[in-house]
PDB file of N, CA and C in Angstrom:
ATOM      1  N   MET A   1       0.920  -1.223  -0.017  1.00  0.00           N
ATOM      2  CA  MET A   1      -0.040   0.000   0.022  1.00  0.00           C
ATOM      3  C   MET A   1       0.862   1.239  -0.002  1.00  0.00           C
ATOM      4  N   THR A   2       0.648   2.116  -0.913  1.00  0.00           N
ATOM      5  CA  THR A   2       1.375   3.409  -1.032  1.00  0.00           C
ATOM      6  C   THR A   2       0.724   4.468  -0.147  1.00  0.00           C
ATOM      7  N   ILE A   3       1.590   5.169   0.527  1.00  0.00           N
ATOM      8  CA  ILE A   3       1.100   6.255   1.391  1.00  0.00           C
ATOM      9  C   ILE A   3       1.154   7.623   0.549  1.00  0.00           C
ATOM     10  N   VAL A   4       0.076   8.268   0.458  1.00  0.00           N
ATOM     11  CA  VAL A   4      -0.011   9.464  -0.300  1.00  0.00           C
ATOM     12  C   VAL A   4      -0.178  10.663   0.678  1.00  0.00           C
ATOM     13  N   ARG A   5       0.662  11.657   0.469  1.00  0.00           N
ATOM     14  CA  ARG A   5       0.595  12.822   1.351  1.00  0.00           C
ATOM     15  C   ARG A   5      -0.519  13.769   0.880  1.00  0.00           C
ATOM     16  N   TYR A   6      -1.424  14.108   1.794  1.00  0.00           N
ATOM     17  CA  TYR A   6      -2.515  15.015   1.441  1.00  0.00           C
ATOM     18  C   TYR A   6      -2.177  16.419   1.748  1.00  0.00           C
ATOM     19  N   GLU A   7      -2.190  17.281   0.763  1.00  0.00           N
ATOM     20  CA  GLU A   7      -1.871  18.694   0.796  1.00  0.00           C
ATOM     21  C   GLU A   7      -2.964  19.522   0.319  1.00  0.00           C
ATOM     22  N   PRO A   8      -3.909  19.909   1.204  1.00  0.00           N
ATOM     23  CA  PRO A   8      -5.092  20.658   0.653  1.00  0.00           C
ATOM     24  C   PRO A   8      -4.783  21.967   0.107  1.00  0.00           C
ATOM     25  N   TRP A   9      -3.757  22.597   0.652  1.00  0.00           N
ATOM     26  CA  TRP A   9      -3.400  24.009   0.112  1.00  0.00           C
ATOM     27  C   TRP A   9      -2.896  23.957  -1.351  1.00  0.00           C
ATOM     28  N   THR A  10      -2.141  22.901  -1.603  1.00  0.00           N
ATOM     29  CA  THR A  10      -1.627  22.680  -2.954  1.00  0.00           C
ATOM     30  C   THR A  10      -2.738  22.513  -3.905  1.00  0.00           C
ATOM     31  N   LEU A  11      -3.732  21.705  -3.485  1.00  0.00           N
ATOM     32  CA  LEU A  11      -4.865  21.479  -4.398  1.00  0.00           C
ATOM     33  C   LEU A  11      -5.723  22.786  -4.560  1.00  0.00           C
ATOM     34  N   LEU A  12      -5.848  23.541  -3.550  1.00  0.00           N
ATOM     35  CA  LEU A  12      -6.591  24.790  -3.666  1.00  0.00           C
ATOM     36  C   LEU A  12      -5.791  25.817  -4.590  1.00  0.00           C
ATOM     37  N   SER A  13      -4.508  25.866  -4.442  1.00  0.00           N
ATOM     38  CA  SER A  13      -3.690  26.724  -5.329  1.00  0.00           C
ATOM     39  C   SER A  13      -3.805  26.298  -6.759  1.00  0.00           C
ATOM     40  N   ARG A  14      -3.830  25.010  -7.010  1.00  0.00           N
ATOM     41  CA  ARG A  14      -3.928  24.484  -8.409  1.00  0.00           C
ATOM     42  C   ARG A  14      -5.353  24.866  -8.894  1.00  0.00           C
ATOM     43  N   PHE A  15      -6.392  24.708  -8.120  1.00  0.00           N
ATOM     44  CA  PHE A  15      -7.750  25.085  -8.524  1.00  0.00           C
ATOM     45  C   PHE A  15      -7.789  26.545  -8.847  1.00  0.00           C
ATOM     46  N   GLN A  16      -7.208  27.400  -8.090  1.00  0.00           N
ATOM     47  CA  GLN A  16      -7.234  28.844  -8.334  1.00  0.00           C
ATOM     48  C   GLN A  16      -6.535  29.122  -9.674  1.00  0.00           C
ATOM     49  N   ARG A  17      -5.420  28.539  -9.945  1.00  0.00           N
ATOM     50  CA  ARG A  17      -4.644  28.792 -11.260  1.00  0.00           C
ATOM     51  C   ARG A  17      -5.546  28.349 -12.419  1.00  0.00           C
ATOM     52  N   GLN A  18      -6.198  27.179 -12.264  1.00  0.00           N
ATOM     53  CA  GLN A  18      -6.977  26.722 -13.335  1.00  0.00           C
ATOM     54  C   GLN A  18      -8.225  27.635 -13.533  1.00  0.00           C
ATOM     55  N   PHE A  19      -8.789  28.069 -12.503  1.00  0.00           N
ATOM     56  CA  PHE A  19      -9.913  28.970 -12.564  1.00  0.00           C
ATOM     57  C   PHE A  19      -9.550  30.329 -13.236  1.00  0.00           C
ATOM     58  N   GLU A  20      -8.374  30.823 -12.921  1.00  0.00           N
ATOM     59  CA  GLU A  20      -7.871  32.082 -13.442  1.00  0.00           C
ATOM     60  C   GLU A  20      -7.549  31.928 -14.888  1.00  0.00           C
ATOM     61  N   ARG A  21      -7.026  30.813 -15.279  1.00  0.00           N
ATOM     62  CA  ARG A  21      -6.709  30.519 -16.656  1.00  0.00           C
ATOM     63  C   ARG A  21      -8.004  30.406 -17.450  1.00  0.00           C
ATOM     64  N   ALA A  22      -9.024  29.768 -16.938  1.00  0.00           N
ATOM     65  CA  ALA A  22     -10.274  29.628 -17.662  1.00  0.00           C
ATOM     66  C   ALA A  22     -10.958  31.061 -17.901  1.00  0.00           C
ATOM     67  N   LEU A  23     -10.703  32.006 -16.948  1.00  0.00           N
ATOM     68  CA  LEU A  23     -11.239  33.303 -17.149  1.00  0.00           C
ATOM     69  C   LEU A  23     -10.337  34.233 -17.914  1.00  0.00           C
ATOM     70  N   GLY A  24      -9.142  33.736 -18.239  1.00  0.00           N
ATOM     71  CA  GLY A  24      -8.236  34.510 -19.043  1.00  0.00           C
ATOM     72  C   GLY A  24      -7.445  35.466 -18.220  1.00  0.00           C
ATOM     73  N   GLU A  25      -7.325  35.269 -16.931  1.00  0.00           N
ATOM     74  CA  GLU A  25      -6.604  36.106 -16.020  1.00  0.00           C
ATOM     75  C   GLU A  25      -5.366  35.507 -15.499  1.00  0.00           C
ATOM     76  N   THR A  26      -4.404  36.334 -15.188  1.00  0.00           N
ATOM     77  CA  THR A  26      -3.210  35.912 -14.495  1.00  0.00           C
ATOM     78  C   THR A  26      -3.142  36.806 -13.346  1.00  0.00           C
ATOM     79  N   PRO A  27      -2.402  36.474 -12.287  1.00  0.00           N
ATOM     80  CA  PRO A  27      -2.310  37.390 -11.111  1.00  0.00           C
ATOM     81  C   PRO A  27      -1.930  38.813 -11.491  1.00  0.00           C
ATOM     82  N   GLU A  28      -1.162  39.010 -12.586  1.00  0.00           N
ATOM     83  CA  GLU A  28      -0.860  40.336 -12.926  1.00  0.00           C
ATOM     84  C   GLU A  28      -1.973  41.101 -13.593  1.00  0.00           C
ATOM     85  N   ASP A  29      -2.889  40.237 -14.195  1.00  0.00           N
ATOM     86  CA  ASP A  29      -4.048  40.840 -14.899  1.00  0.00           C
ATOM     87  C   ASP A  29      -5.250  40.969 -14.017  1.00  0.00           C
ATOM     88  N   ALA A  30      -5.147  40.580 -12.768  1.00  0.00           N
ATOM     89  CA  ALA A  30      -6.255  40.524 -11.818  1.00  0.00           C
ATOM     90  C   ALA A  30      -6.817  41.940 -11.723  1.00  0.00           C
ATOM     91  N   PRO A  31      -8.131  42.054 -11.459  1.00  0.00           N
ATOM     92  CA  PRO A  31      -8.741  43.401 -11.391  1.00  0.00           C
ATOM     93  C   PRO A  31      -8.150  44.186 -10.291  1.00  0.00           C
ATOM     94  N   SER A  32      -7.986  45.462 -10.559  1.00  0.00           N
ATOM     95  CA  SER A  32      -7.397  46.390  -9.641  1.00  0.00           C
ATOM     96  C   SER A  32      -8.479  47.466  -9.289  1.00  0.00           C
ATOM     97  N   PRO A  33      -8.246  48.289  -8.325  1.00  0.00           N
ATOM     98  CA  PRO A  33      -9.264  49.326  -7.981  1.00  0.00           C
ATOM     99  C   PRO A  33      -9.434  50.344  -9.131  1.00  0.00           C
ATOM    100  N   SER A  34      -8.430  50.507  -9.958  1.00  0.00           N
ATOM    101  CA  SER A  34      -8.524  51.526 -11.039  1.00  0.00           C
ATOM    102  C   SER A  34      -9.382  50.862 -12.196  1.00  0.00           C
ATOM    103  N   VAL A  35      -9.950  51.805 -12.981  1.00  0.00           N
ATOM    104  CA  VAL A  35     -10.797  51.363 -14.133  1.00  0.00           C
ATOM    105  C   VAL A  35     -10.075  51.700 -15.423  1.00  0.00           C
ATOM    106  N   SER A  36     -10.129  50.811 -16.390  1.00  0.00           N
ATOM    107  CA  SER A  36      -9.401  51.081 -17.672  1.00  0.00           C
ATOM    108  C   SER A  36     -10.398  51.703 -18.676  1.00  0.00           C
ATOM    109  N   TRP A  37     -11.711  51.590 -18.445  1.00  0.00           N
ATOM    110  CA  TRP A  37     -12.639  52.182 -19.381  1.00  0.00           C
ATOM    111  C   TRP A  37     -13.736  52.875 -18.606  1.00  0.00           C
ATOM    112  N   ILE A  38     -14.044  54.114 -19.026  1.00  0.00           N
ATOM    113  CA  ILE A  38     -15.116  54.907 -18.338  1.00  0.00           C
ATOM    114  C   ILE A  38     -16.010  55.404 -19.519  1.00  0.00           C
ATOM    115  N   PRO A  39     -17.327  55.077 -19.512  1.00  0.00           N
ATOM    116  CA  PRO A  39     -18.183  55.484 -20.523  1.00  0.00           C
ATOM    117  C   PRO A  39     -18.451  57.077 -20.505  1.00  0.00           C
ATOM    118  N   HIS A  40     -18.723  57.666 -21.634  1.00  0.00           N
ATOM    119  CA  HIS A  40     -19.003  59.062 -21.677  1.00  0.00           C
ATOM    120  C   HIS A  40     -20.450  59.256 -21.267  1.00  0.00           C
ATOM    121  N   VAL A  41     -20.747  60.275 -20.394  1.00  0.00           N
ATOM    122  CA  VAL A  41     -22.087  60.552 -20.007  1.00  0.00           C
ATOM    123  C   VAL A  41     -22.297  62.087 -19.953  1.00  0.00           C
ATOM    124  N   ASP A  42     -23.524  62.513 -20.182  1.00  0.00           N
ATOM    125  CA  ASP A  42     -23.883  63.924 -20.011  1.00  0.00           C
ATOM    126  C   ASP A  42     -24.687  64.017 -18.732  1.00  0.00           C
ATOM    127  N   ILE A  43     -24.286  64.837 -17.786  1.00  0.00           N
ATOM    128  CA  ILE A  43     -25.031  65.057 -16.611  1.00  0.00           C
ATOM    129  C   ILE A  43     -25.398  66.503 -16.419  1.00  0.00           C
ATOM    130  N   ARG A  44     -26.652  66.796 -16.289  1.00  0.00           N
ATOM    131  CA  ARG A  44     -27.042  68.248 -16.150  1.00  0.00           C
ATOM    132  C   ARG A  44     -28.201  68.274 -15.134  1.00  0.00           C
ATOM    133  N   GLU A  45     -28.418  69.429 -14.489  1.00  0.00           N
ATOM    134  CA  GLU A  45     -29.420  69.605 -13.519  1.00  0.00           C
ATOM    135  C   GLU A  45     -30.478  70.517 -14.083  1.00  0.00           C
ATOM    136  N   GLU A  46     -31.657  70.150 -13.913  1.00  0.00           N
ATOM    137  CA  GLU A  46     -32.853  70.941 -14.456  1.00  0.00           C
ATOM    138  C   GLU A  46     -33.568  71.570 -13.266  1.00  0.00           C
ATOM    139  N   ALA A  47     -33.893  72.830 -13.310  1.00  0.00           N
ATOM    140  CA  ALA A  47     -34.586  73.443 -12.217  1.00  0.00           C
ATOM    141  C   ALA A  47     -36.090  72.875 -11.968  1.00  0.00           C
ATOM    142  N   GLU A  48     -36.720  72.513 -13.091  1.00  0.00           N
ATOM    143  CA  GLU A  48     -38.135  72.112 -12.924  1.00  0.00           C
ATOM    144  C   GLU A  48     -38.249  70.740 -12.329  1.00  0.00           C
ATOM    145  N   ARG A  49     -37.248  69.957 -12.255  1.00  0.00           N
ATOM    146  CA  ARG A  49     -37.326  68.593 -11.724  1.00  0.00           C
ATOM    147  C   ARG A  49     -36.882  68.368 -10.367  1.00  0.00           C
TER     148      ARG A  49
END
């Protein structure tokens, strides 16, 4: 009988890498607080409303 070492954190890290790869992200590409695209909007205040 072969003894297998159970390392849950290694398994979790592997799952995270596969999930990021499926989404097309790498740790360097992960979302940051800054935004790369901001839509143009017109904002104005009307006295009657």
